[in-house]
């Protein structure tokens, strides 16, 4: 886990995102650090860690992509440093968004072009801020925070997006308009 990821998560997540909410971490195997202590300090109702193999921080062994991780919905879905290691990024993003409850949040950190090859277990993709912004819009999420990793030695992207409570909320956000009934 990059120090910049820990710092960003600590600065970005608040009790509004976590307290009394169900939280799931997809890719929770603690290889070299975890944001779990940051989240647990904000008092979630539940914290579930899933990964493709058993190990520290893993409560259940499950695959990402293809609908195999359906466990209900969560107020916060966390996926740090995983997306560059999936085979099917589109199916993986769909699965992540499907886990987010209405008005819930999705937190993703991943690596960008220029980051070195690091197969654990595989290394398949690099993401830009533009690519994640487009994917979130396509998936019906509202981006609240999106920034490149500030550490130039570790090119990456940090994202926090929210699932709207109503479809019109997303349309208003994207188009920048409000319905006539809400105008003064």
Protein backbone atom coordinates (compact mmCIF):
# COMPACT_ATOMS: atom_id res chain seq x y z
CA UNK A 1 0.00 0.00 0.00
CA UNK A 2 1.42 3.34 -1.00
CA UNK A 3 1.74 5.94 1.77
CA UNK A 4 -0.09 8.40 -0.49
CA UNK A 5 -3.14 6.08 -0.56
CA UNK A 6 -3.25 5.95 3.23
CA UNK A 7 -2.85 9.73 3.49
CA UNK A 8 -5.58 10.41 0.89
CA UNK A 9 -8.02 7.95 2.50
CA UNK A 10 -7.40 9.50 5.91
CA UNK A 11 -8.02 13.02 4.54
CA UNK A 12 -11.01 12.09 2.36
CA UNK A 13 -13.13 9.64 4.34
CA UNK A 14 -15.32 11.04 7.08
CA UNK A 15 -17.90 9.62 9.44
CA UNK A 16 -20.53 10.60 6.84
CA UNK A 17 -19.07 7.94 4.52
CA UNK A 18 -18.61 5.22 7.13
CA UNK A 19 -20.36 5.57 10.51
CA UNK A 20 -23.16 3.04 11.02
CA UNK A 21 -22.87 1.86 7.40
CA UNK A 22 -22.04 -1.55 6.00
CA UNK A 23 -18.55 -1.42 4.46
CA UNK A 24 -16.97 -3.95 2.12
CA UNK A 25 -13.36 -3.96 1.01
CA UNK A 26 -12.81 -5.77 -2.28
CA UNK A 27 -9.20 -6.90 -2.45
CA UNK A 28 -8.70 -6.83 1.30
CA UNK A 29 -5.67 -9.13 1.51
CA UNK A 30 -3.16 -7.07 3.49
CA UNK A 31 0.04 -7.48 1.50
CA UNK A 32 1.78 -4.25 2.51
CA UNK A 33 -0.67 -2.11 4.47
CA UNK A 34 -4.39 -1.39 4.55
CA UNK A 35 -6.85 1.46 4.99
CA UNK A 36 -8.97 -0.81 7.22
CA UNK A 37 -7.80 0.90 10.45
CA UNK A 38 -8.80 4.31 9.02
CA UNK A 39 -12.28 3.01 8.20
CA UNK A 40 -12.73 1.04 11.43
CA UNK A 41 -11.92 4.19 13.44
CA UNK A 42 -14.97 5.82 11.81
CA UNK A 43 -17.24 3.12 13.33
CA UNK A 44 -18.91 1.21 10.49
CA UNK A 45 -21.87 -1.03 11.35
CA UNK A 46 -20.06 -3.88 9.57
CA UNK A 47 -16.70 -4.28 7.85
CA UNK A 48 -16.31 -7.20 5.44
CA UNK A 49 -13.08 -7.96 3.60
CA UNK A 50 -13.09 -10.15 0.49
CA UNK A 51 -10.26 -11.29 -1.79
CA UNK A 52 -9.37 -14.07 -4.23
CA UNK A 53 -7.34 -15.91 -1.58
CA UNK A 54 -7.36 -16.28 2.19
CA UNK A 55 -4.96 -14.18 4.22
CA UNK A 56 -4.66 -11.25 6.62
CA UNK A 57 -7.69 -8.96 6.35
CA UNK A 58 -9.79 -11.46 4.35
CA UNK A 59 -13.13 -12.54 5.82
CA UNK A 60 -14.40 -14.33 2.70
CA UNK A 61 -12.71 -15.68 -0.42
CA UNK A 62 -14.58 -14.36 -3.47
CA UNK A 63 -13.84 -13.35 -7.06
CA UNK A 64 -14.39 -9.87 -8.49
CA UNK A 65 -16.26 -9.67 -11.82
CA UNK A 66 -18.96 -11.78 -13.31
CA UNK A 67 -21.54 -11.27 -10.56
CA UNK A 68 -19.92 -13.73 -8.20
CA UNK A 69 -19.51 -11.31 -5.30
CA UNK A 70 -23.14 -10.35 -4.73
CA UNK A 71 -23.50 -9.85 -0.98
CA UNK A 72 -26.20 -7.17 -0.84
CA UNK A 73 -25.43 -3.47 -0.87
CA UNK A 74 -23.03 -1.42 1.21
CA UNK A 75 -22.80 2.20 2.27
CA UNK A 76 -19.12 2.17 1.32
CA UNK A 77 -17.36 -0.08 -1.18
CA UNK A 78 -13.55 0.08 -1.02
CA UNK A 79 -11.21 -1.21 -3.70
CA UNK A 80 -7.61 -0.10 -3.21
CA UNK A 81 -4.80 -1.10 -5.54
CA UNK A 82 -6.81 -3.90 -7.19
CA UNK A 83 -8.15 -2.62 -10.52
CA UNK A 84 -4.78 -2.85 -12.26
CA UNK A 85 -4.78 -6.59 -11.42
CA UNK A 86 -8.20 -7.66 -12.79
CA UNK A 87 -8.72 -9.42 -16.10
CA UNK A 88 -12.03 -7.76 -17.04
CA UNK A 89 -12.06 -4.15 -15.82
CA UNK A 90 -15.55 -3.42 -17.18
CA UNK A 91 -17.19 -6.36 -15.39
CA UNK A 92 -15.20 -5.53 -12.26
CA UNK A 93 -16.41 -1.92 -12.22
CA UNK A 94 -20.00 -3.10 -12.81
CA UNK A 95 -19.71 -5.47 -9.85
CA UNK A 96 -18.26 -2.76 -7.62
CA UNK A 97 -21.05 -0.31 -8.49
CA UNK A 98 -23.69 -3.03 -7.98
CA UNK A 99 -22.49 -3.37 -4.37
CA UNK A 100 -22.99 0.35 -3.62
CA UNK A 101 -26.26 1.24 -1.86
CA UNK A 102 -28.26 4.28 -2.95
CA UNK A 103 -26.49 7.36 -1.56
CA UNK A 104 -23.52 5.09 -0.80
CA UNK A 105 -19.92 5.62 -1.89
CA UNK A 106 -17.31 3.81 -3.95
CA UNK A 107 -13.65 4.40 -3.16
CA UNK A 108 -11.09 3.22 -5.72
CA UNK A 109 -7.35 3.72 -5.85
CA UNK A 110 -5.38 2.27 -8.73
CA UNK A 111 -2.26 2.79 -10.81
CA UNK A 112 -1.80 4.97 -13.91
CA UNK A 113 0.40 4.81 -17.00
CA UNK A 114 4.04 5.06 -15.99
CA UNK A 115 3.70 2.85 -12.92
CA UNK A 116 6.02 -0.18 -13.16
CA UNK A 117 4.80 -3.68 -13.94
CA UNK A 118 3.94 -5.51 -10.71
CA UNK A 119 2.24 -8.88 -11.19
CA UNK A 120 0.50 -9.86 -7.98
CA UNK A 121 -0.91 -12.16 -9.23
CA UNK A 122 -1.24 -10.45 -12.65
CA UNK A 123 -0.81 -6.88 -13.88
CA UNK A 124 -3.15 -5.93 -16.72
CA UNK A 125 -4.32 -2.28 -16.76
CA UNK A 126 -3.45 1.35 -16.06
CA UNK A 127 -6.07 4.07 -15.52
CA UNK A 128 -6.21 7.82 -15.98
CA UNK A 129 -8.44 10.31 -14.17
CA UNK A 130 -10.33 10.89 -17.43
CA UNK A 131 -10.95 7.17 -17.91
CA UNK A 132 -12.31 6.72 -14.38
CA UNK A 133 -14.45 9.87 -14.64
CA UNK A 134 -15.98 8.60 -17.90
CA UNK A 135 -16.56 5.13 -16.47
CA UNK A 136 -18.26 6.56 -13.37
CA UNK A 137 -20.56 8.75 -15.47
CA UNK A 138 -21.43 5.78 -17.69
CA UNK A 139 -22.16 3.69 -14.58
CA UNK A 140 -24.43 6.36 -13.08
CA UNK A 141 -22.12 7.47 -10.28
CA UNK A 142 -21.45 11.05 -9.16
CA UNK A 143 -17.75 11.76 -8.74
CA UNK A 144 -17.04 13.62 -5.49
CA UNK A 145 -13.24 13.35 -5.41
CA UNK A 146 -10.96 12.42 -8.29
CA UNK A 147 -7.27 13.18 -8.26
CA UNK A 148 -4.00 11.77 -9.51
CA UNK A 149 -1.71 10.28 -6.88
CA UNK A 150 0.40 13.24 -5.68
CA UNK A 151 3.49 11.00 -5.45
CA UNK A 152 5.23 11.34 -8.85
CA UNK A 153 7.12 8.10 -8.20
CA UNK A 154 3.81 6.19 -8.00
CA UNK A 155 1.49 7.32 -10.81
CA UNK A 156 -2.07 6.51 -9.84
CA UNK A 157 -5.65 7.68 -9.48
CA UNK A 158 -7.78 8.19 -6.35
CA UNK A 159 -11.57 8.23 -6.68
CA UNK A 160 -14.54 8.67 -4.37
CA UNK A 161 -17.92 8.51 -6.11
CA UNK A 162 -21.50 8.43 -4.83
CA UNK A 163 -24.50 6.50 -6.12
CA UNK A 164 -27.40 8.96 -6.49
CA UNK A 165 -30.67 8.34 -4.72
CA UNK A 166 -32.66 9.18 -7.84
CA UNK A 167 -31.81 8.89 -11.52
CA UNK A 168 -32.78 12.54 -12.04
CA UNK A 169 -30.11 13.54 -9.49
CA UNK A 170 -27.47 12.11 -11.82
CA UNK A 171 -29.00 13.87 -14.83
CA UNK A 172 -28.99 17.15 -12.91
CA UNK A 173 -25.38 16.63 -11.89
CA UNK A 174 -24.18 15.78 -15.40
CA UNK A 175 -26.20 18.45 -17.19
CA UNK A 176 -25.94 21.10 -14.46
CA UNK A 177 -29.68 21.83 -14.48
CA UNK A 178 -32.48 21.56 -11.93
CA UNK A 179 -36.11 20.63 -12.59
CA UNK A 180 -38.72 23.43 -12.78
CA UNK A 181 -40.39 22.14 -9.60
CA UNK A 182 -37.21 22.89 -7.59
CA UNK A 183 -36.62 26.40 -8.94
CA UNK A 184 -37.58 29.38 -6.77
